[in-house]
Amino acid sequence: MNFRAEIDVMPLKALLDPQGKAVTSSMKNLGLPTITNVRIGKHISMEVEAENKELASKMVDKACKDLLHNPIMEGYEFHINEI
């Protein structure tokens, strides 16, 4: 079976996000002062071939833990759907 994983990697909430802070400040200049607390991360999309959704989930989790995120600075979450 084939699955598509959609992964979001974001800075930990306890850490300063300089990009997000800069974008938040720019919102005021755009006339959008009610947009606040912007956080900038990365989105990763991948296809996974596995026998079932549980196995695909384990594979994606391992990829995230071992390669796609820095556990000191980032957290991640993902969703998997059959394609």
N, C-alpha and C. Protein backbone atom coordinates (compact mmCIF):
# COMPACT_ATOMS: atom_id res chain seq x y z
N MET A 1 0.84 -1.18 0.00
CA MET A 1 0.00 0.00 0.00
C MET A 1 0.89 1.24 0.00
N ASN A 2 0.37 2.31 -0.60
CA ASN A 2 1.10 3.57 -0.63
C ASN A 2 0.39 4.60 0.23
N PHE A 3 1.19 5.37 0.94
CA PHE A 3 0.69 6.39 1.85
C PHE A 3 1.41 7.70 1.58
N ARG A 4 0.74 8.80 1.89
CA ARG A 4 1.38 10.11 1.84
C ARG A 4 1.43 10.63 3.26
N ALA A 5 2.63 11.05 3.66
CA ALA A 5 2.83 11.64 4.98
C ALA A 5 3.01 13.14 4.82
N GLU A 6 2.32 13.90 5.63
CA GLU A 6 2.46 15.35 5.69
C GLU A 6 3.01 15.67 7.07
N ILE A 7 4.22 16.22 7.11
CA ILE A 7 4.96 16.43 8.36
C ILE A 7 5.17 17.93 8.58
N ASP A 8 4.90 18.39 9.78
CA ASP A 8 5.19 19.77 10.16
C ASP A 8 6.24 19.76 11.25
N VAL A 9 7.34 20.46 11.01
CA VAL A 9 8.42 20.60 11.98
C VAL A 9 8.44 22.07 12.40
N MET A 10 8.30 22.29 13.70
CA MET A 10 8.20 23.66 14.22
C MET A 10 9.18 23.87 15.37
N PRO A 11 9.63 25.12 15.54
CA PRO A 11 10.48 25.41 16.70
C PRO A 11 9.70 25.15 17.99
N LEU A 12 10.39 24.70 19.00
CA LEU A 12 9.75 24.50 20.30
C LEU A 12 9.21 25.82 20.81
N LYS A 13 8.06 25.79 21.45
CA LYS A 13 7.40 27.02 21.93
C LYS A 13 8.27 27.78 22.93
N ALA A 14 9.12 27.09 23.68
CA ALA A 14 9.96 27.73 24.68
C ALA A 14 11.12 28.51 24.06
N LEU A 15 11.39 28.30 22.77
CA LEU A 15 12.52 28.95 22.12
C LEU A 15 12.08 30.15 21.31
N LEU A 16 12.97 31.13 21.22
CA LEU A 16 12.74 32.30 20.39
C LEU A 16 12.73 31.88 18.93
N ASP A 17 11.81 32.43 18.16
CA ASP A 17 11.73 32.18 16.72
C ASP A 17 11.98 33.51 16.01
N PRO A 18 13.25 33.82 15.67
CA PRO A 18 13.56 35.13 15.08
C PRO A 18 12.81 35.40 13.77
N GLN A 19 12.65 34.39 12.93
CA GLN A 19 11.91 34.59 11.68
C GLN A 19 10.45 34.93 11.98
N GLY A 20 9.86 34.18 12.88
CA GLY A 20 8.47 34.44 13.24
C GLY A 20 8.29 35.81 13.86
N LYS A 21 9.25 36.23 14.68
CA LYS A 21 9.18 37.55 15.30
C LYS A 21 9.25 38.65 14.25
N ALA A 22 10.14 38.48 13.26
CA ALA A 22 10.27 39.46 12.18
C ALA A 22 8.98 39.55 11.37
N VAL A 23 8.38 38.42 11.07
CA VAL A 23 7.13 38.42 10.31
C VAL A 23 6.00 39.04 11.13
N THR A 24 5.95 38.73 12.41
CA THR A 24 4.94 39.33 13.28
C THR A 24 5.06 40.85 13.27
N SER A 25 6.28 41.36 13.37
CA SER A 25 6.49 42.82 13.34
C SER A 25 6.05 43.41 12.00
N SER A 26 6.30 42.69 10.92
CA SER A 26 5.93 43.18 9.59
C SER A 26 4.42 43.24 9.39
N MET A 27 3.68 42.45 10.11
CA MET A 27 2.22 42.45 9.96
C MET A 27 1.64 43.83 10.28
N LYS A 28 2.22 44.51 11.27
CA LYS A 28 1.76 45.86 11.62
C LYS A 28 1.96 46.80 10.44
N ASN A 29 3.09 46.69 9.74
CA ASN A 29 3.38 47.54 8.58
C ASN A 29 2.43 47.26 7.42
N LEU A 30 1.87 46.07 7.38
CA LEU A 30 0.93 45.71 6.32
C LEU A 30 -0.51 46.08 6.67
N GLY A 31 -0.69 46.66 7.84
CA GLY A 31 -2.04 47.00 8.28
C GLY A 31 -2.78 45.82 8.86
N LEU A 32 -2.03 44.84 9.35
CA LEU A 32 -2.63 43.63 9.94
C LEU A 32 -2.15 43.44 11.38
N PRO A 33 -2.40 44.41 12.25
CA PRO A 33 -1.85 44.34 13.60
C PRO A 33 -2.46 43.25 14.48
N THR A 34 -3.57 42.66 14.04
CA THR A 34 -4.19 41.61 14.87
C THR A 34 -3.60 40.24 14.60
N ILE A 35 -2.69 40.14 13.64
CA ILE A 35 -1.97 38.88 13.42
C ILE A 35 -0.73 38.91 14.30
N THR A 36 -0.65 37.98 15.25
CA THR A 36 0.44 37.97 16.22
C THR A 36 0.99 36.56 16.41
N ASN A 37 2.10 36.48 17.10
CA ASN A 37 2.72 35.20 17.49
C ASN A 37 2.95 34.27 16.30
N VAL A 38 3.48 34.82 15.22
CA VAL A 38 3.79 34.00 14.04
C VAL A 38 4.97 33.10 14.38
N ARG A 39 4.88 31.83 14.01
CA ARG A 39 5.97 30.86 14.16
C ARG A 39 6.27 30.31 12.78
N ILE A 40 7.55 30.22 12.43
CA ILE A 40 7.97 29.75 11.12
C ILE A 40 8.62 28.38 11.29
N GLY A 41 8.17 27.41 10.51
CA GLY A 41 8.74 26.06 10.55
C GLY A 41 8.91 25.54 9.14
N LYS A 42 8.87 24.23 9.01
CA LYS A 42 8.97 23.63 7.68
C LYS A 42 7.93 22.53 7.53
N HIS A 43 7.49 22.34 6.29
CA HIS A 43 6.52 21.31 5.97
C HIS A 43 7.20 20.33 5.02
N ILE A 44 7.05 19.05 5.31
CA ILE A 44 7.65 17.99 4.51
C ILE A 44 6.56 17.04 4.07
N SER A 45 6.56 16.70 2.81
CA SER A 45 5.60 15.75 2.26
C SER A 45 6.40 14.58 1.68
N MET A 46 5.95 13.37 1.97
CA MET A 46 6.66 12.19 1.42
C MET A 46 5.68 11.06 1.18
N GLU A 47 6.05 10.18 0.27
CA GLU A 47 5.27 8.98 0.01
C GLU A 47 5.99 7.80 0.65
N VAL A 48 5.20 6.90 1.22
CA VAL A 48 5.73 5.74 1.94
C VAL A 48 5.03 4.50 1.44
N GLU A 49 5.79 3.49 1.11
CA GLU A 49 5.21 2.19 0.75
C GLU A 49 5.36 1.29 1.96
N ALA A 50 4.23 0.78 2.45
CA ALA A 50 4.23 -0.09 3.63
C ALA A 50 3.03 -1.02 3.57
N GLU A 51 3.08 -2.09 4.37
CA GLU A 51 2.00 -3.07 4.38
C GLU A 51 0.71 -2.51 4.96
N ASN A 52 0.84 -1.56 5.92
CA ASN A 52 -0.35 -0.97 6.54
C ASN A 52 -0.01 0.41 7.09
N LYS A 53 -1.05 1.11 7.54
CA LYS A 53 -0.87 2.48 8.03
C LYS A 53 -0.01 2.54 9.28
N GLU A 54 -0.15 1.55 10.15
CA GLU A 54 0.64 1.51 11.39
C GLU A 54 2.13 1.41 11.07
N LEU A 55 2.50 0.55 10.14
CA LEU A 55 3.90 0.40 9.76
C LEU A 55 4.41 1.67 9.08
N ALA A 56 3.59 2.27 8.23
CA ALA A 56 3.97 3.53 7.57
C ALA A 56 4.21 4.61 8.62
N SER A 57 3.35 4.66 9.63
CA SER A 57 3.50 5.64 10.70
C SER A 57 4.80 5.45 11.45
N LYS A 58 5.16 4.21 11.73
CA LYS A 58 6.42 3.92 12.42
C LYS A 58 7.62 4.35 11.58
N MET A 59 7.54 4.14 10.27
CA MET A 59 8.63 4.52 9.39
C MET A 59 8.79 6.04 9.35
N VAL A 60 7.68 6.76 9.24
CA VAL A 60 7.73 8.22 9.21
C VAL A 60 8.24 8.76 10.54
N ASP A 61 7.79 8.19 11.64
CA ASP A 61 8.26 8.63 12.95
C ASP A 61 9.77 8.45 13.08
N LYS A 62 10.29 7.33 12.60
CA LYS A 62 11.73 7.09 12.65
C LYS A 62 12.48 8.11 11.80
N ALA A 63 11.96 8.41 10.61
CA ALA A 63 12.58 9.41 9.74
C ALA A 63 12.62 10.77 10.44
N CYS A 64 11.53 11.11 11.10
CA CYS A 64 11.47 12.39 11.81
C CYS A 64 12.47 12.43 12.96
N LYS A 65 12.49 11.38 13.76
CA LYS A 65 13.39 11.34 14.92
C LYS A 65 14.86 11.31 14.51
N ASP A 66 15.19 10.55 13.47
CA ASP A 66 16.59 10.33 13.11
C ASP A 66 17.15 11.36 12.14
N LEU A 67 16.29 12.07 11.40
CA LEU A 67 16.82 12.93 10.34
C LEU A 67 16.14 14.28 10.20
N LEU A 68 14.83 14.32 10.27
CA LEU A 68 14.10 15.51 9.82
C LEU A 68 13.93 16.62 10.85
N HIS A 69 14.18 16.33 12.12
CA HIS A 69 14.04 17.40 13.11
C HIS A 69 15.18 17.35 14.11
N ASN A 70 15.44 18.49 14.72
CA ASN A 70 16.45 18.61 15.76
C ASN A 70 15.71 18.63 17.09
N PRO A 71 15.81 17.54 17.88
CA PRO A 71 15.00 17.45 19.10
C PRO A 71 15.33 18.52 20.14
N ILE A 72 16.47 19.16 20.03
CA ILE A 72 16.83 20.21 20.98
C ILE A 72 16.05 21.49 20.69
N MET A 73 15.74 21.72 19.41
CA MET A 73 15.13 22.98 19.01
C MET A 73 13.74 22.86 18.39
N GLU A 74 13.36 21.65 17.96
CA GLU A 74 12.14 21.50 17.17
C GLU A 74 11.27 20.34 17.66
N GLY A 75 10.01 20.46 17.40
CA GLY A 75 9.06 19.38 17.59
C GLY A 75 8.45 19.05 16.24
N TYR A 76 7.74 17.95 16.15
CA TYR A 76 7.11 17.58 14.88
C TYR A 76 5.79 16.87 15.13
N GLU A 77 4.96 16.91 14.11
CA GLU A 77 3.74 16.11 14.08
C GLU A 77 3.48 15.76 12.63
N PHE A 78 2.77 14.65 12.42
CA PHE A 78 2.49 14.24 11.06
C PHE A 78 1.15 13.55 10.96
N HIS A 79 0.67 13.52 9.71
CA HIS A 79 -0.57 12.83 9.38
C HIS A 79 -0.29 11.96 8.17
N ILE A 80 -0.88 10.77 8.16
CA ILE A 80 -0.68 9.84 7.06
C ILE A 80 -2.04 9.48 6.46
N ASN A 81 -2.09 9.49 5.13
CA ASN A 81 -3.29 9.08 4.42
C ASN A 81 -2.91 8.11 3.30
N GLU A 82 -3.77 7.15 3.06
CA GLU A 82 -3.54 6.21 1.97
C GLU A 82 -3.76 6.93 0.63
N ILE A 83 -2.90 6.62 -0.33
CA ILE A 83 -3.06 7.21 -1.67
C ILE A 83 -3.29 6.12 -2.69
